[in-house]
Amino acid sequence: MPTPDHTSRLTPCLHGKVAPSMPYSKPHKTRARHSRLVIAALLAAIHFTLPGAVSPASAGQWPQGEQAPLPSLAPMLEHVTPAVVNISSEQPVVRPSWGYPAPGGAFAPPERAARSLGSGVIVDAANGYVLTNHHVVRNGRTITVTLQDGRDLEARVVGSDPDTDLALLRVNASSLQALALADSSELRVGDYVVAVGNPFGLGQAATSGIVSAIDRSGLQKSGYQNFIQTDASINPGSSGGALVNLRGELVGINTMIYTPSGGNVGIGFAVPSDVAASVMRDLLQHGKVRRGNLGLDTFDIGPKQARAMNLPNGGSRIIVTGVQAHSPAQKAGVKAGDIVVAVNGKPVRTVNELRNLEGLLPLGSTAQLSIRRQGRQETLSLRVAAAERQRLHAGDLDKRLNGIGLSDPDDGAPIGPQSGIAVTGLYPERSAAAARLRQGDILLSVNHAPVSRVSDVRSLLENAPAGQQLLLTFSRKNQQFYLLLN
């Protein structure tokens, strides 16, 4: 995917101008006929995939003087829309500048409340489980779910996963309607889909389109990404809403849009339902997602190096630079200098693609790792192990953070909506910034970029220009404060 230019951006669809229309030209007869055939095919697909559809042979002819009903998505949407909910999340906000906890625990300045709007999907009616995006409920003190019938329900966060931008909520209510999850691995480019959400907080709305691409990645600096891309209109307020097929089954959770202006331009992204199902299982069983690790240290080699190593043009450029001790890779016989070609038969070309696949591997499963060694390709079997908890002395990356020790969340600790990285160490020789912190404080973001792992902080600090101003957002006892470092 082309790199976005400086005027374009990826934005979560949380809660304008009208784009100019294209010049009109008279349709060519062949193109017009082709369009009619495409529309006819779509309507036929709708007819035969809707529950209770009757074939023309069995229906007979319509009585004289009566018109046959027009094909419509309405019967399918009548089943889908009651399962899509509006979500409002109230979050504490501190006025910028000022801020860190004063002696005695008082916080200055006073807080204000901000409200974010998004959507969600009921996936278990009996137990009241609702899937949505992590960024919709992140840091939310109170979360309200509004059903299509107008009921307002207080929701609690069962668990949240920043790496896939998914969260699972629970409400206590009767007479709920849920959507079944489809197998998103069966999606093809060109399949028809419908997006349902709460655009701009106006109320529930549905838009239709096709699957434009699958397995999109490299859209963000962090997280695990294999998005469904669609041209179904997704706008701010639709985050966490449903992307469904023509059978009314959930194929994705709408997450973000690519836009030069803040509005929809026909490039939207959804987390596949297979990923959502896996995340939901882990959140229910463990309160967080437990991710696997193969134990590989890798690097993207450049074109010149690839040619010197006689690697196929357009193929993988992932070279193994090291193998972690006692890791699945070491046990399987992976060596430094190997070229990683594929994981479970799926080709990988960059370290980012490999990281995405690795992070989505179920813990304890067996992965097939294809490598190229000395011009020959072979496949090794690795049993996926738990990723080790990372620690970091932030002062090693920026002297202004000297004395601050950070750690990934404990594997056994549930992650709530206020997820981040814990301050687990304060060293004797500490900077002025470190002197304001306490063990147990949670680092939420660096220069407004959310962080959920030590590797996120490492990446942000390593890529920041030397001496750049840093704005760090922390949380202590559910109250936020900022540190501004010049």
Protein backbone atom coordinates (compact mmCIF):
# COMPACT_ATOMS: atom_id res chain seq x y z
CA MET A 1 0.00 0.00 0.00
CA PRO A 2 1.43 3.40 -0.93
CA THR A 3 2.75 5.44 1.95
CA PRO A 4 0.23 8.13 2.93
CA ASP A 5 1.33 11.61 1.92
CA HIS A 6 1.58 14.46 4.38
CA THR A 7 -2.03 15.50 3.79
CA SER A 8 -3.49 12.06 4.47
CA ARG A 9 -3.87 10.18 7.71
CA LEU A 10 -5.27 7.08 9.32
CA THR A 11 -7.82 7.94 11.95
CA PRO A 12 -9.99 5.89 14.28
CA CYS A 13 -13.64 6.36 13.35
CA LEU A 14 -14.64 7.96 16.66
CA HIS A 15 -16.96 10.68 17.01
CA GLY A 16 -17.77 19.09 6.10
CA LYS A 17 -17.35 19.61 3.03
CA VAL A 18 -19.09 17.74 0.23
CA ALA A 19 -16.68 16.24 -2.27
CA PRO A 20 -17.19 17.53 -5.82
CA SER A 21 -18.96 15.11 -8.10
CA MET A 22 -17.18 13.55 -11.04
CA PRO A 23 -17.87 15.07 -14.47
CA TYR A 24 -20.79 13.37 -16.19
CA SER A 25 -20.26 11.48 -19.41
CA LYS A 26 -22.77 9.45 -21.34
CA PRO A 27 -22.42 5.75 -20.42
CA HIS A 28 -20.98 3.54 -23.08
CA LYS A 29 -23.48 0.85 -24.09
CA THR A 30 -21.10 -1.98 -23.21
CA ARG A 31 -20.27 -0.45 -19.82
CA ALA A 32 -23.95 0.21 -19.10
CA ARG A 33 -24.84 -3.37 -19.96
CA HIS A 34 -21.98 -4.62 -17.75
CA SER A 35 -23.23 -2.45 -14.86
CA ARG A 36 -26.74 -3.85 -15.24
CA LEU A 37 -25.36 -7.38 -15.13
CA VAL A 38 -23.35 -6.62 -11.97
CA ILE A 39 -26.40 -5.10 -10.27
CA ALA A 40 -28.53 -8.05 -11.32
CA ALA A 41 -25.95 -10.44 -9.89
CA LEU A 42 -25.89 -8.55 -6.60
CA LEU A 43 -29.66 -8.56 -6.32
CA ALA A 44 -29.77 -12.24 -7.12
CA ALA A 45 -27.15 -12.90 -4.45
CA ILE A 46 -29.15 -10.93 -1.93
CA HIS A 47 -32.32 -12.82 -2.83
CA PHE A 48 -30.81 -16.27 -2.50
CA THR A 49 -28.77 -15.60 0.65
CA LEU A 50 -31.54 -14.03 2.71
CA PRO A 51 -33.31 -16.39 5.14
CA GLY A 52 -36.58 -17.65 3.79
CA ALA A 53 -35.89 -16.63 0.21
CA VAL A 54 -38.15 -18.44 -2.25
CA SER A 55 -36.91 -19.56 -5.65
CA PRO A 56 -38.80 -18.34 -8.73
CA ALA A 57 -39.72 -21.92 -9.63
CA SER A 58 -41.53 -22.48 -6.34
CA ALA A 59 -42.98 -19.02 -6.10
CA GLY A 60 -44.90 -19.13 -9.34
CA GLN A 61 -46.07 -15.95 -11.02
CA TRP A 62 -47.33 -12.90 -9.17
CA PRO A 63 -51.09 -12.28 -9.35
CA GLN A 64 -52.14 -10.05 -12.20
CA GLY A 65 -52.13 -6.40 -11.22
CA GLU A 66 -49.65 -6.88 -8.36
CA GLN A 67 -45.97 -5.99 -8.56
CA ALA A 68 -43.23 -8.29 -7.31
CA PRO A 69 -41.41 -6.84 -4.26
CA LEU A 70 -38.12 -5.12 -5.07
CA PRO A 71 -34.97 -6.94 -3.95
CA SER A 72 -33.67 -5.28 -0.79
CA LEU A 73 -31.14 -5.55 2.04
CA ALA A 74 -33.89 -4.61 4.50
CA PRO A 75 -34.77 -8.18 5.64
CA MET A 76 -31.13 -8.87 6.47
CA LEU A 77 -30.66 -5.51 8.23
CA GLU A 78 -33.80 -6.07 10.31
CA HIS A 79 -31.87 -8.95 11.86
CA VAL A 80 -28.52 -7.11 12.09
CA THR A 81 -29.35 -3.63 13.39
CA PRO A 82 -30.75 -4.66 16.81
CA ALA A 83 -27.35 -6.23 17.55
CA VAL A 84 -25.40 -3.03 16.81
CA VAL A 85 -25.27 -0.58 19.71
CA ASN A 86 -24.12 2.97 20.35
CA ILE A 87 -21.41 3.45 22.98
CA SER A 88 -20.54 6.60 24.90
CA SER A 89 -17.51 6.70 27.17
CA GLU A 90 -16.80 9.47 29.66
CA GLN A 91 -13.12 10.14 30.17
CA PRO A 92 -11.20 12.43 32.54
CA VAL A 93 -9.25 15.24 30.89
CA VAL A 94 -6.62 17.48 32.44
CA ARG A 95 -6.06 20.95 31.00
CA PRO A 96 -2.72 20.86 29.22
CA SER A 97 0.44 22.23 30.85
CA TRP A 98 0.59 21.67 34.45
CA GLY A 99 0.71 18.61 35.46
CA TYR A 100 1.78 16.13 37.87
CA PRO A 101 0.54 15.02 41.29
CA ALA A 102 1.13 17.61 43.97
CA PRO A 103 2.42 16.68 47.45
CA GLY A 104 -0.23 14.94 49.51
CA GLY A 105 -1.76 13.31 46.46
CA ALA A 106 -3.73 16.32 45.24
CA PHE A 107 -3.85 16.74 41.49
CA ALA A 108 -3.71 20.06 39.75
CA PRO A 109 -5.50 21.33 37.80
CA PRO A 110 -9.13 20.17 38.21
CA GLU A 111 -10.41 17.62 35.75
CA ARG A 112 -12.88 18.07 32.98
CA ALA A 113 -14.93 15.28 31.45
CA ALA A 114 -14.78 14.40 27.78
CA ARG A 115 -17.10 12.00 26.00
CA SER A 116 -16.23 9.80 23.06
CA LEU A 117 -18.83 8.18 20.85
CA GLY A 118 -18.53 4.88 19.07
CA SER A 119 -20.36 1.67 18.27
CA GLY A 120 -20.35 -1.96 19.36
CA VAL A 121 -21.74 -5.36 18.41
CA ILE A 122 -23.62 -7.78 20.66
CA VAL A 123 -21.99 -11.18 20.11
CA ASP A 124 -23.50 -13.14 23.02
CA ALA A 125 -27.10 -12.27 23.91
CA ALA A 126 -27.40 -14.68 26.84
CA ASN A 127 -24.37 -13.26 28.67
CA GLY A 128 -24.57 -9.67 27.41
CA TYR A 129 -21.15 -9.55 25.73
CA VAL A 130 -20.44 -6.65 23.37
CA LEU A 131 -17.39 -6.31 21.10
CA THR A 132 -16.05 -2.85 20.32
CA ASN A 133 -12.74 -1.04 19.76
CA HIS A 134 -10.21 -0.49 22.53
CA HIS A 135 -9.90 3.19 21.59
CA VAL A 136 -13.65 3.70 22.07
CA VAL A 137 -13.52 2.78 25.77
CA ARG A 138 -9.87 3.53 26.58
CA ASN A 139 -9.57 5.37 29.92
CA GLY A 140 -13.37 5.46 30.20
CA ARG A 141 -14.66 5.97 33.74
CA THR A 142 -18.26 5.33 32.80
CA ILE A 143 -19.38 3.48 29.69
CA THR A 144 -22.97 3.55 28.46
CA VAL A 145 -24.39 1.21 25.83
CA THR A 146 -27.54 2.37 24.04
CA LEU A 147 -29.63 -0.30 22.32
CA GLN A 148 -31.66 0.20 19.18
CA ASP A 149 -34.85 0.10 21.26
CA GLY A 150 -33.63 3.12 23.26
CA ARG A 151 -32.52 1.37 26.47
CA ASP A 152 -29.38 2.82 28.13
CA LEU A 153 -27.25 0.22 29.89
CA GLU A 154 -24.18 0.63 32.06
CA ALA A 155 -21.33 -1.52 30.75
CA ARG A 156 -18.20 -2.86 32.38
CA VAL A 157 -14.99 -3.77 30.61
CA VAL A 158 -14.27 -7.51 30.67
CA GLY A 159 -10.91 -6.96 28.99
CA SER A 160 -9.19 -4.88 26.37
CA ASP A 161 -6.41 -5.48 23.85
CA PRO A 162 -4.65 -2.38 22.49
CA ASP A 163 -2.59 -4.42 20.02
CA THR A 164 -5.66 -5.40 17.99
CA ASP A 165 -7.73 -2.39 19.11
CA LEU A 166 -10.47 -4.64 20.48
CA ALA A 167 -12.36 -4.57 23.78
CA LEU A 168 -15.04 -6.79 25.28
CA LEU A 169 -17.83 -5.23 27.35
CA ARG A 170 -20.63 -6.80 29.37
CA VAL A 171 -24.12 -5.46 30.00
CA ASN A 172 -26.92 -6.85 32.15
CA ALA A 173 -30.12 -6.92 30.13
CA SER A 174 -32.73 -9.25 28.69
CA SER A 175 -34.17 -9.54 25.18
CA LEU A 176 -30.85 -8.90 23.46
CA GLN A 177 -30.10 -9.93 19.89
CA ALA A 178 -26.62 -11.08 18.86
CA LEU A 179 -24.80 -11.56 15.58
CA ALA A 180 -23.14 -14.82 14.61
CA LEU A 181 -19.46 -14.57 13.68
CA ALA A 182 -18.57 -15.69 10.16
CA ASP A 183 -15.28 -17.28 9.12
CA SER A 184 -13.45 -14.19 7.86
CA SER A 185 -10.72 -16.34 6.27
CA GLU A 186 -13.26 -17.18 3.55
CA LEU A 187 -13.63 -13.52 2.52
CA ARG A 188 -12.54 -12.66 -1.01
CA VAL A 189 -11.82 -9.36 -2.68
CA GLY A 190 -15.10 -8.39 -4.34
CA ASP A 191 -17.43 -9.91 -1.73
CA TYR A 192 -20.31 -7.61 -0.82
CA VAL A 193 -20.39 -6.26 2.74
CA VAL A 194 -22.49 -3.83 4.78
CA ALA A 195 -21.16 -1.54 7.52
CA VAL A 196 -23.47 -0.59 10.41
CA GLY A 197 -22.57 2.03 13.02
CA ASN A 198 -23.29 5.41 14.53
CA PRO A 199 -21.65 7.94 12.18
CA PHE A 200 -21.00 11.36 13.73
CA GLY A 201 -23.33 10.43 16.60
CA LEU A 202 -26.34 10.95 14.33
CA GLY A 203 -27.81 7.54 15.06
CA GLN A 204 -27.61 4.11 13.53
CA ALA A 205 -26.93 3.93 9.81
CA ALA A 206 -25.98 1.27 7.25
CA THR A 207 -23.78 1.58 4.16
CA SER A 208 -22.81 -1.04 1.59
CA GLY A 209 -19.75 -1.81 -0.49
CA ILE A 210 -17.31 -4.57 -1.28
CA VAL A 211 -14.19 -6.07 0.24
CA SER A 212 -11.47 -4.01 -1.44
CA ALA A 213 -8.49 -5.89 0.02
CA ILE A 214 -7.61 -8.37 2.74
CA ASP A 215 -4.64 -8.77 5.10
CA ARG A 216 -3.78 -5.08 5.07
CA SER A 217 -0.85 -4.28 7.38
CA GLY A 218 1.78 -1.60 7.93
CA LEU A 219 -0.89 1.02 8.58
CA GLN A 220 0.25 1.86 12.11
CA LYS A 221 3.53 1.97 14.01
CA SER A 222 2.36 -0.56 16.57
CA GLY A 223 -0.17 -3.33 17.05
CA TYR A 224 -0.97 -6.51 15.14
CA GLN A 225 -2.56 -5.78 11.80
CA ASN A 226 -4.29 -7.83 9.12
CA PHE A 227 -7.22 -5.56 8.34
CA ILE A 228 -10.10 -6.02 5.93
CA GLN A 229 -10.25 -3.00 3.61
CA THR A 230 -13.67 -1.92 2.33
CA ASP A 231 -15.21 0.92 0.39
CA ALA A 232 -18.40 0.73 2.46
CA SER A 233 -18.67 4.19 4.00
CA ILE A 234 -17.22 4.28 7.54
CA ASN A 235 -17.17 7.61 9.35
CA PRO A 236 -16.26 8.98 12.80
CA GLY A 237 -18.60 7.42 15.36
CA SER A 238 -18.64 4.05 13.59
CA SER A 239 -15.61 2.64 15.44
CA GLY A 240 -16.55 -0.73 16.89
CA GLY A 241 -19.50 -1.17 14.56
CA ALA A 242 -20.33 -4.22 12.47
CA LEU A 243 -19.12 -5.23 9.04
CA VAL A 244 -21.43 -8.03 7.88
CA ASN A 245 -21.83 -10.23 4.83
CA LEU A 246 -25.10 -10.62 2.92
CA ARG A 247 -26.19 -13.37 5.31
CA GLY A 248 -26.04 -10.88 8.17
CA GLU A 249 -23.02 -12.56 9.78
CA LEU A 250 -20.26 -10.55 11.40
CA VAL A 251 -17.08 -10.56 9.30
CA GLY A 252 -15.30 -7.62 10.94
CA ILE A 253 -15.26 -4.85 13.54
CA ASN A 254 -14.98 -1.42 11.88
CA THR A 255 -11.89 0.30 13.25
CA MET A 256 -10.47 3.19 11.24
CA ILE A 257 -10.43 5.09 7.97
CA TYR A 258 -7.74 6.45 5.68
CA THR A 259 -8.53 10.07 4.94
CA PRO A 260 -6.94 13.31 3.74
CA SER A 261 -9.67 15.43 5.29
CA GLY A 262 -11.19 13.63 8.29
CA GLY A 263 -14.17 12.30 6.32
CA ASN A 264 -14.81 9.09 4.43
CA VAL A 265 -13.13 8.66 1.04
CA GLY A 266 -13.99 5.00 0.53
CA ILE A 267 -11.00 3.50 2.34
CA GLY A 268 -12.05 1.91 5.61
CA PHE A 269 -10.56 -0.88 7.69
CA ALA A 270 -12.05 -3.56 9.93
CA VAL A 271 -10.53 -6.16 12.27
CA PRO A 272 -11.44 -9.63 10.89
CA SER A 273 -13.96 -11.66 12.86
CA ASP A 274 -11.47 -14.54 13.23
CA VAL A 275 -9.10 -12.21 15.10
CA ALA A 276 -12.00 -10.86 17.16
CA ALA A 277 -13.09 -14.38 18.13
CA SER A 278 -9.57 -15.33 19.23
CA VAL A 279 -9.15 -12.12 21.26
CA MET A 280 -12.57 -12.58 22.86
CA ARG A 281 -11.71 -16.13 23.96
CA ASP A 282 -8.51 -14.97 25.65
CA LEU A 283 -10.21 -11.99 27.32
CA LEU A 284 -12.90 -14.25 28.74
CA GLN A 285 -10.46 -16.90 29.95
CA HIS A 286 -7.53 -14.78 31.11
CA GLY A 287 -8.66 -11.13 31.17
CA LYS A 288 -6.02 -10.30 28.56
CA VAL A 289 -4.60 -11.67 25.33
CA ARG A 290 -1.68 -14.04 25.79
CA ARG A 291 0.56 -13.81 22.76
CA GLY A 292 3.05 -16.25 21.39
CA ASN A 293 6.72 -15.76 20.67
CA LEU A 294 9.01 -17.65 18.31
CA GLY A 295 12.23 -16.22 19.76
CA LEU A 296 13.60 -14.64 16.58
CA ASP A 297 15.68 -11.48 16.27
CA THR A 298 15.23 -10.29 12.69
CA PHE A 299 16.16 -7.46 10.36
CA ASP A 300 14.97 -6.22 6.94
CA ILE A 301 17.93 -6.35 4.56
CA GLY A 302 18.21 -3.85 1.72
CA PRO A 303 17.98 -4.49 -2.04
CA LYS A 304 21.76 -4.50 -2.54
CA GLN A 305 22.26 -7.06 0.22
CA ALA A 306 19.42 -9.16 -1.19
CA ARG A 307 21.06 -9.21 -4.62
CA ALA A 308 24.42 -10.08 -3.10
CA MET A 309 22.78 -13.02 -1.30
CA ASN A 310 21.06 -14.15 -4.54
CA LEU A 311 17.61 -13.81 -3.00
CA PRO A 312 14.64 -13.91 -5.40
CA ASN A 313 13.53 -10.49 -6.60
CA GLY A 314 10.35 -9.50 -4.74
CA GLY A 315 10.75 -12.24 -2.16
CA SER A 316 11.46 -12.17 1.56
CA ARG A 317 14.16 -9.90 2.92
CA ILE A 318 13.87 -11.01 6.54
CA ILE A 319 17.19 -12.21 7.87
CA VAL A 320 17.58 -13.85 11.27
CA THR A 321 20.22 -11.92 13.21
CA GLY A 322 19.91 -13.90 16.43
CA VAL A 323 17.97 -16.66 18.16
CA GLN A 324 16.87 -16.27 21.77
CA ALA A 325 18.07 -18.88 24.23
CA HIS A 326 15.62 -21.69 25.07
CA SER A 327 13.12 -20.26 22.55
CA PRO A 328 10.97 -22.26 20.10
CA ALA A 329 13.24 -21.09 17.27
CA GLN A 330 16.38 -22.37 19.00
CA LYS A 331 14.75 -25.71 19.80
CA ALA A 332 13.67 -26.10 16.16
CA GLY A 333 17.17 -25.39 14.84
CA VAL A 334 16.77 -21.88 13.39
CA LYS A 335 20.18 -20.19 12.95
CA ALA A 336 21.46 -16.67 12.47
CA GLY A 337 21.70 -15.96 8.74
CA ASP A 338 18.54 -17.89 7.85
CA ILE A 339 16.01 -16.06 5.67
CA VAL A 340 12.40 -16.32 6.90
CA VAL A 341 10.16 -17.07 3.92
CA ALA A 342 6.73 -18.02 5.31
CA VAL A 343 4.74 -18.81 8.45
CA ASN A 344 2.15 -21.59 8.18
CA GLY A 345 2.44 -21.39 4.41
CA LYS A 346 1.76 -17.66 4.26
CA PRO A 347 4.62 -15.72 2.62
CA VAL A 348 6.24 -12.91 4.61
CA ARG A 349 8.45 -10.25 3.06
CA THR A 350 9.13 -7.79 5.88
CA VAL A 351 9.79 -7.92 9.62
CA ASN A 352 6.50 -6.10 10.18
CA GLU A 353 4.57 -8.82 8.33
CA LEU A 354 6.37 -11.50 10.35
CA ARG A 355 5.62 -9.71 13.61
CA ASN A 356 1.92 -9.47 12.72
CA LEU A 357 1.66 -13.18 12.01
CA GLU A 358 3.70 -14.13 15.08
CA GLY A 359 1.55 -12.01 17.39
CA LEU A 360 -1.63 -13.67 16.15
CA LEU A 361 -0.41 -17.25 16.61
CA PRO A 362 -2.33 -19.07 19.37
CA LEU A 363 -0.25 -19.84 22.43
CA GLY A 364 0.76 -23.50 22.49
CA SER A 365 -0.01 -24.10 18.82
CA THR A 366 2.49 -25.53 16.33
CA ALA A 367 3.74 -23.14 13.66
CA GLN A 368 5.40 -24.14 10.40
CA LEU A 369 8.32 -21.79 9.72
CA SER A 370 9.71 -21.86 6.19
CA ILE A 371 13.30 -20.64 5.88
CA ARG A 372 15.95 -20.37 3.17
CA ARG A 373 19.42 -21.57 4.18
CA GLN A 374 22.39 -21.69 1.81
CA GLY A 375 20.10 -21.47 -1.20
CA ARG A 376 17.81 -24.28 -0.09
CA GLN A 377 14.34 -23.92 1.42
CA GLU A 378 13.16 -26.03 4.35
CA THR A 379 10.28 -25.96 6.82
CA LEU A 380 10.68 -26.28 10.58
CA SER A 381 8.01 -26.98 13.21
CA LEU A 382 7.95 -24.66 16.23
CA ARG A 383 5.70 -24.84 19.27
CA VAL A 384 4.54 -21.31 20.05
CA ALA A 385 5.60 -20.20 23.55
CA ALA A 386 4.57 -17.26 25.70
CA ALA A 387 6.34 -13.99 25.00
CA GLU A 388 8.73 -12.90 27.72
CA ARG A 389 7.90 -9.83 29.77
CA GLN A 390 10.13 -6.96 28.63
CA ARG A 391 11.73 -4.35 30.86
CA LEU A 392 13.35 -1.04 29.97
CA HIS A 393 15.39 1.67 31.65
CA ALA A 394 13.99 4.65 29.75
CA GLY A 395 17.12 6.67 30.50
CA ASP A 396 19.08 4.41 28.14
CA LEU A 397 17.08 5.93 25.27
CA ASP A 398 16.64 9.50 26.52
CA LYS A 399 18.65 10.99 29.37
CA ARG A 400 15.67 13.14 30.38
CA LEU A 401 14.03 9.88 31.50
CA ASN A 402 17.00 8.72 33.53
CA GLY A 403 15.99 6.64 36.52
CA ILE A 404 12.61 5.46 35.18
CA GLY A 405 12.15 1.69 34.87
CA LEU A 406 9.25 0.42 32.75
CA SER A 407 7.81 -3.08 32.38
CA ASP A 408 5.28 -4.83 30.20
CA PRO A 409 2.03 -5.74 31.98
CA ASP A 410 2.26 -8.88 34.09
CA ASP A 411 1.04 -11.86 32.06
CA GLY A 412 -1.37 -12.76 34.84
CA ALA A 413 -2.79 -9.28 35.35
CA PRO A 414 -6.03 -8.36 33.57
CA ILE A 415 -5.87 -5.31 31.32
CA GLY A 416 -8.69 -2.83 31.79
CA PRO A 417 -9.63 0.16 29.69
CA GLN A 418 -6.79 2.20 31.21
CA SER A 419 -4.03 0.01 29.84
CA GLY A 420 -0.42 1.08 29.53
CA ILE A 421 3.04 0.34 30.86
CA ALA A 422 3.84 0.24 34.54
CA VAL A 423 6.58 2.24 36.22
CA THR A 424 8.19 -0.64 38.10
CA GLY A 425 11.54 0.87 39.01
CA LEU A 426 12.91 4.23 40.18
CA TYR A 427 16.69 4.29 40.35
CA PRO A 428 18.77 6.36 42.81
CA GLU A 429 20.25 8.60 40.10
CA ARG A 430 17.09 9.96 38.61
CA SER A 431 16.08 12.90 36.45
CA ALA A 432 13.67 15.63 37.47
CA ALA A 433 10.94 13.78 35.59
CA ALA A 434 11.60 10.55 37.48
CA ALA A 435 11.44 12.40 40.79
CA ARG A 436 7.77 13.17 40.12
CA LEU A 437 6.78 9.56 39.58
CA ARG A 438 5.94 6.66 41.87
CA GLN A 439 6.16 2.94 41.36
CA GLY A 440 2.83 1.74 40.02
CA ASP A 441 2.18 4.83 37.89
CA ILE A 442 1.01 3.86 34.39
CA LEU A 443 2.49 5.40 31.24
CA LEU A 444 -0.39 5.78 28.77
CA SER A 445 1.12 7.64 25.82
CA VAL A 446 4.21 9.35 24.41
CA ASN A 447 3.49 12.48 22.37
CA HIS A 448 -0.17 11.38 22.16
CA ALA A 449 0.76 7.95 20.73
CA PRO A 450 -0.77 5.23 22.96
CA VAL A 451 1.65 2.65 24.35
CA SER A 452 0.81 -0.83 25.60
CA ARG A 453 4.21 -2.54 25.55
CA VAL A 454 7.80 -1.62 26.30
CA SER A 455 8.57 -2.12 22.60
CA ASP A 456 6.14 0.71 21.76
CA VAL A 457 8.08 3.12 23.99
CA ARG A 458 11.38 1.91 22.59
CA SER A 459 10.21 2.46 19.01
CA LEU A 460 8.79 5.93 19.70
CA LEU A 461 11.89 7.16 21.54
CA GLU A 462 14.35 5.65 19.07
CA ASN A 463 12.57 7.29 16.14
CA ALA A 464 12.09 10.68 17.82
CA PRO A 465 14.44 13.49 16.67
CA ALA A 466 17.16 14.30 19.19
CA GLY A 467 16.01 16.86 21.73
CA GLN A 468 12.38 16.74 20.58
CA GLN A 469 9.86 17.90 23.17
CA LEU A 470 8.23 14.93 24.90
CA LEU A 471 4.72 14.90 26.32
CA LEU A 472 4.18 11.87 28.55
CA THR A 473 0.70 10.96 29.80
CA PHE A 474 0.53 9.00 33.06
CA SER A 475 -2.23 7.62 35.23
CA ARG A 476 -2.26 7.25 39.02
CA LYS A 477 -5.29 5.86 40.81
CA ASN A 478 -7.44 6.49 37.70
CA GLN A 479 -6.39 10.14 37.48
CA GLN A 480 -4.32 11.36 34.55
CA PHE A 481 -1.41 13.77 34.62
CA TYR A 482 1.21 14.94 32.15
CA LEU A 483 4.95 15.48 32.10
CA LEU A 484 6.26 17.91 29.49
CA LEU A 485 9.99 17.50 28.85
CA ASN A 486 11.91 20.09 26.84
